[in-house]
């Protein structure tokens, strides 16, 4: 999964999509999604 895909997914979550569903669509766990998104915003 690319950084660009993570950024797009973060926008979906900020827009109200459930994080678990967005992470599943990317093929990763919610924890991994949060870890990757946090790494991009630090």
Protein backbone atom coordinates (compact mmCIF):
# COMPACT_ATOMS: atom_id res chain seq x y z
CA UNK A 1 0.00 0.00 0.00
CA UNK A 2 1.44 3.35 -1.00
CA UNK A 3 1.64 6.50 1.11
CA UNK A 4 -0.78 8.11 -1.32
CA UNK A 5 -3.34 5.37 -0.68
CA UNK A 6 -2.95 5.85 3.08
CA UNK A 7 -3.49 9.61 2.73
CA UNK A 8 -6.63 9.03 0.67
CA UNK A 9 -7.88 6.55 3.25
CA UNK A 10 -7.26 9.05 6.06
CA UNK A 11 -9.47 11.53 4.20
CA UNK A 12 -12.22 8.89 3.99
CA UNK A 13 -12.02 8.26 7.74
CA UNK A 14 -12.09 12.00 8.44
CA UNK A 15 -15.19 12.13 6.25
CA UNK A 16 -16.98 9.59 8.41
CA UNK A 17 -16.07 6.17 7.00
CA UNK A 18 -15.35 3.55 9.68
CA UNK A 19 -11.58 3.11 10.07
CA UNK A 20 -11.94 -0.66 10.31
CA UNK A 21 -13.72 -0.79 6.94
CA UNK A 22 -11.20 1.50 5.25
CA UNK A 23 -8.31 -0.57 6.61
CA UNK A 24 -9.98 -3.80 5.47
CA UNK A 25 -10.42 -2.35 1.97
CA UNK A 26 -6.67 -1.69 1.91
CA UNK A 27 -5.95 -5.23 3.09
CA UNK A 28 -4.53 -4.31 6.48
CA UNK A 29 -5.60 -4.25 10.10
CA UNK A 30 -6.99 -1.13 11.73
CA UNK A 31 -3.90 -0.95 13.95
CA UNK A 32 -1.58 -1.05 10.94
CA UNK A 33 -3.66 1.61 9.21
CA UNK A 34 -3.43 3.92 12.23
CA UNK A 35 0.31 3.27 12.58
CA UNK A 36 0.95 4.07 8.90
CA UNK A 37 -1.28 7.16 8.94
CA UNK A 38 0.38 8.47 12.11
CA UNK A 39 3.82 7.97 10.53
CA UNK A 40 2.75 10.15 7.59
CA UNK A 41 1.50 13.01 9.74
CA UNK A 42 4.45 13.22 12.15
